[in-house]
Amino acid sequence: MTVEVKGTHGFAPGNSTKEYIDKKLKRLDHLKEHVANLHLTLDKHNSGEFKAESNIHFRWGAMGHIKVTDRDLFKAIDTLFDKIEAKATKEKEKMQNH
């Protein structure tokens, strides 16, 4: 699984944010063989809200886009990883049923 983390519109994730994301990625270890690429994009709006987005590409060609907005960056990342895990598990089950 290839993982790319980037910031947009002048927002650059710091070392603590990247370390936090690395820690959260361990939750997806059981899905590594099914996910080809995971692109995470972090942004901060002028209103003070953070936006965390992901594009997840599965080995069988399916793709998912997930977006979360929150005033707390780490809470947004937590929610994003909850949704990524749910999406990946759902896709994995779909493939196993076919």
C-alpha atoms as a PDB file:
ATOM      1  CA  MET A   1       0.000   0.000   0.000  1.00  0.00           C
ATOM      2  CA  THR A   2       1.395   3.345  -1.066  1.00  0.00           C
ATOM      3  CA  VAL A   3       0.476   6.274   1.171  1.00  0.00           C
ATOM      4  CA  GLU A   4       0.799   9.943   0.225  1.00  0.00           C
ATOM      5  CA  VAL A   5       0.102  12.770   2.682  1.00  0.00           C
ATOM      6  CA  LYS A   6       0.005  16.363   1.516  1.00  0.00           C
ATOM      7  CA  GLY A   7      -1.352  19.734   2.486  1.00  0.00           C
ATOM      8  CA  THR A   8      -3.126  22.140   0.148  1.00  0.00           C
ATOM      9  CA  HIS A   9      -3.655  25.889  -0.087  1.00  0.00           C
ATOM     10  CA  GLY A  10      -0.548  26.713   1.914  1.00  0.00           C
ATOM     11  CA  PHE A  11      -1.241  24.265   4.744  1.00  0.00           C
ATOM     12  CA  ALA A  12       1.693  21.963   5.437  1.00  0.00           C
ATOM     13  CA  PRO A  13       1.221  19.079   7.881  1.00  0.00           C
ATOM     14  CA  GLY A  14       3.874  19.185  10.622  1.00  0.00           C
ATOM     15  CA  ASN A  15       5.902  16.316  12.016  1.00  0.00           C
ATOM     16  CA  SER A  16       3.449  15.679  14.848  1.00  0.00           C
ATOM     17  CA  THR A  17       0.589  15.432  12.353  1.00  0.00           C
ATOM     18  CA  LYS A  18       2.546  13.014  10.145  1.00  0.00           C
ATOM     19  CA  GLU A  19       3.481  10.897  13.169  1.00  0.00           C
ATOM     20  CA  TYR A  20      -0.174  10.818  14.224  1.00  0.00           C
ATOM     21  CA  ILE A  21      -1.191   9.683  10.728  1.00  0.00           C
ATOM     22  CA  ASP A  22       1.519   6.986  10.766  1.00  0.00           C
ATOM     23  CA  LYS A  23       0.109   5.749  14.080  1.00  0.00           C
ATOM     24  CA  LYS A  24      -3.408   5.672  12.607  1.00  0.00           C
ATOM     25  CA  LEU A  25      -2.197   3.791   9.513  1.00  0.00           C
ATOM     26  CA  LYS A  26      -1.419   0.800  11.733  1.00  0.00           C
ATOM     27  CA  ARG A  27      -5.198   0.363  12.094  1.00  0.00           C
ATOM     28  CA  LEU A  28      -5.289  -0.466   8.380  1.00  0.00           C
ATOM     29  CA  ASP A  29      -2.585  -3.167   8.479  1.00  0.00           C
ATOM     30  CA  HIS A  30      -5.157  -5.926   7.987  1.00  0.00           C
ATOM     31  CA  LEU A  31      -6.308  -4.221   4.749  1.00  0.00           C
ATOM     32  CA  LYS A  32      -2.881  -3.598   3.171  1.00  0.00           C
ATOM     33  CA  GLU A  33      -3.203  -6.418   0.668  1.00  0.00           C
ATOM     34  CA  HIS A  34      -6.465  -4.935  -0.671  1.00  0.00           C
ATOM     35  CA  VAL A  35      -5.518  -1.240  -0.899  1.00  0.00           C
ATOM     36  CA  ALA A  36      -3.159  -0.164  -3.672  1.00  0.00           C
ATOM     37  CA  ASN A  37      -2.926   3.590  -2.952  1.00  0.00           C
ATOM     38  CA  LEU A  38      -4.122   5.898  -0.220  1.00  0.00           C
ATOM     39  CA  HIS A  39      -3.875   9.646  -0.803  1.00  0.00           C
ATOM     40  CA  LEU A  40      -4.545  11.913   2.184  1.00  0.00           C
ATOM     41  CA  THR A  41      -5.026  15.657   1.726  1.00  0.00           C
ATOM     42  CA  LEU A  42      -5.206  18.091   4.628  1.00  0.00           C
ATOM     43  CA  ASP A  43      -6.372  21.688   4.360  1.00  0.00           C
ATOM     44  CA  LYS A  44      -7.251  24.542   6.692  1.00  0.00           C
ATOM     45  CA  HIS A  45     -10.088  26.883   5.753  1.00  0.00           C
ATOM     46  CA  ASN A  46     -10.112  30.579   6.618  1.00  0.00           C
ATOM     47  CA  SER A  47     -12.968  29.861   9.041  1.00  0.00           C
ATOM     48  CA  GLY A  48     -10.549  27.792  11.141  1.00  0.00           C
ATOM     49  CA  GLU A  49     -11.987  24.435  10.134  1.00  0.00           C
ATOM     50  CA  PHE A  50      -9.746  21.641   8.942  1.00  0.00           C
ATOM     51  CA  LYS A  51     -10.656  19.447   6.006  1.00  0.00           C
ATOM     52  CA  ALA A  52      -9.244  15.936   5.730  1.00  0.00           C
ATOM     53  CA  GLU A  53      -9.844  14.063   2.480  1.00  0.00           C
ATOM     54  CA  SER A  54      -8.758  10.711   1.164  1.00  0.00           C
ATOM     55  CA  ASN A  55      -8.801   8.916  -2.135  1.00  0.00           C
ATOM     56  CA  ILE A  56      -8.509   5.183  -1.687  1.00  0.00           C
ATOM     57  CA  HIS A  57      -7.713   2.927  -4.642  1.00  0.00           C
ATOM     58  CA  PHE A  58      -8.313  -0.797  -4.317  1.00  0.00           C
ATOM     59  CA  ARG A  59      -6.327  -3.453  -6.152  1.00  0.00           C
ATOM     60  CA  TRP A  60      -9.387  -4.581  -8.145  1.00  0.00           C
ATOM     61  CA  GLY A  61      -9.983  -1.111  -9.607  1.00  0.00           C
ATOM     62  CA  ALA A  62     -12.593   0.311  -7.221  1.00  0.00           C
ATOM     63  CA  MET A  63     -12.034   3.751  -5.755  1.00  0.00           C
ATOM     64  CA  GLY A  64     -13.479   5.707  -2.864  1.00  0.00           C
ATOM     65  CA  HIS A  65     -13.419   9.380  -1.880  1.00  0.00           C
ATOM     66  CA  ILE A  66     -13.970  10.397   1.725  1.00  0.00           C
ATOM     67  CA  LYS A  67     -14.138  13.931   3.117  1.00  0.00           C
ATOM     68  CA  VAL A  68     -14.326  15.111   6.746  1.00  0.00           C
ATOM     69  CA  THR A  69     -14.426  18.647   8.161  1.00  0.00           C
ATOM     70  CA  ASP A  70     -13.829  19.558  11.797  1.00  0.00           C
ATOM     71  CA  ARG A  71     -12.454  22.399  13.925  1.00  0.00           C
ATOM     72  CA  ASP A  72      -9.877  20.016  15.426  1.00  0.00           C
ATOM     73  CA  LEU A  73      -7.344  18.562  12.978  1.00  0.00           C
ATOM     74  CA  PHE A  74      -6.706  15.400  14.993  1.00  0.00           C
ATOM     75  CA  LYS A  75     -10.421  14.745  15.453  1.00  0.00           C
ATOM     76  CA  ALA A  76     -10.863  15.143  11.681  1.00  0.00           C
ATOM     77  CA  ILE A  77      -8.059  12.629  11.094  1.00  0.00           C
ATOM     78  CA  ASP A  78      -9.648  10.188  13.582  1.00  0.00           C
ATOM     79  CA  THR A  79     -13.023  10.431  11.856  1.00  0.00           C
ATOM     80  CA  LEU A  80     -11.390  10.095   8.437  1.00  0.00           C
ATOM     81  CA  PHE A  81      -9.616   6.885   9.446  1.00  0.00           C
ATOM     82  CA  ASP A  82     -12.854   5.500  10.923  1.00  0.00           C
ATOM     83  CA  LYS A  83     -14.533   6.086   7.557  1.00  0.00           C
ATOM     84  CA  ILE A  84     -11.555   4.732   5.574  1.00  0.00           C
ATOM     85  CA  GLU A  85     -11.588   1.539   7.624  1.00  0.00           C
ATOM     86  CA  ALA A  86     -15.353   1.139   7.178  1.00  0.00           C
ATOM     87  CA  LYS A  87     -15.133   1.755   3.412  1.00  0.00           C
ATOM     88  CA  ALA A  88     -12.212  -0.642   2.955  1.00  0.00           C
ATOM     89  CA  THR A  89     -13.896  -3.364   5.006  1.00  0.00           C
ATOM     90  CA  LYS A  90     -17.112  -2.958   3.014  1.00  0.00           C
ATOM     91  CA  GLU A  91     -15.241  -3.185  -0.314  1.00  0.00           C
ATOM     92  CA  LYS A  92     -13.292  -6.216   0.906  1.00  0.00           C
ATOM     93  CA  GLU A  93     -16.528  -7.978   1.863  1.00  0.00           C
ATOM     94  CA  LYS A  94     -18.048  -7.152  -1.539  1.00  0.00           C
ATOM     95  CA  MET A  95     -15.093  -8.778  -3.287  1.00  0.00           C
ATOM     96  CA  GLN A  96     -15.212 -11.855  -1.059  1.00  0.00           C
ATOM     97  CA  ASN A  97     -18.925 -12.338  -1.819  1.00  0.00           C
ATOM     98  CA  HIS A  98     -18.298 -12.375  -5.593  1.00  0.00           C
END
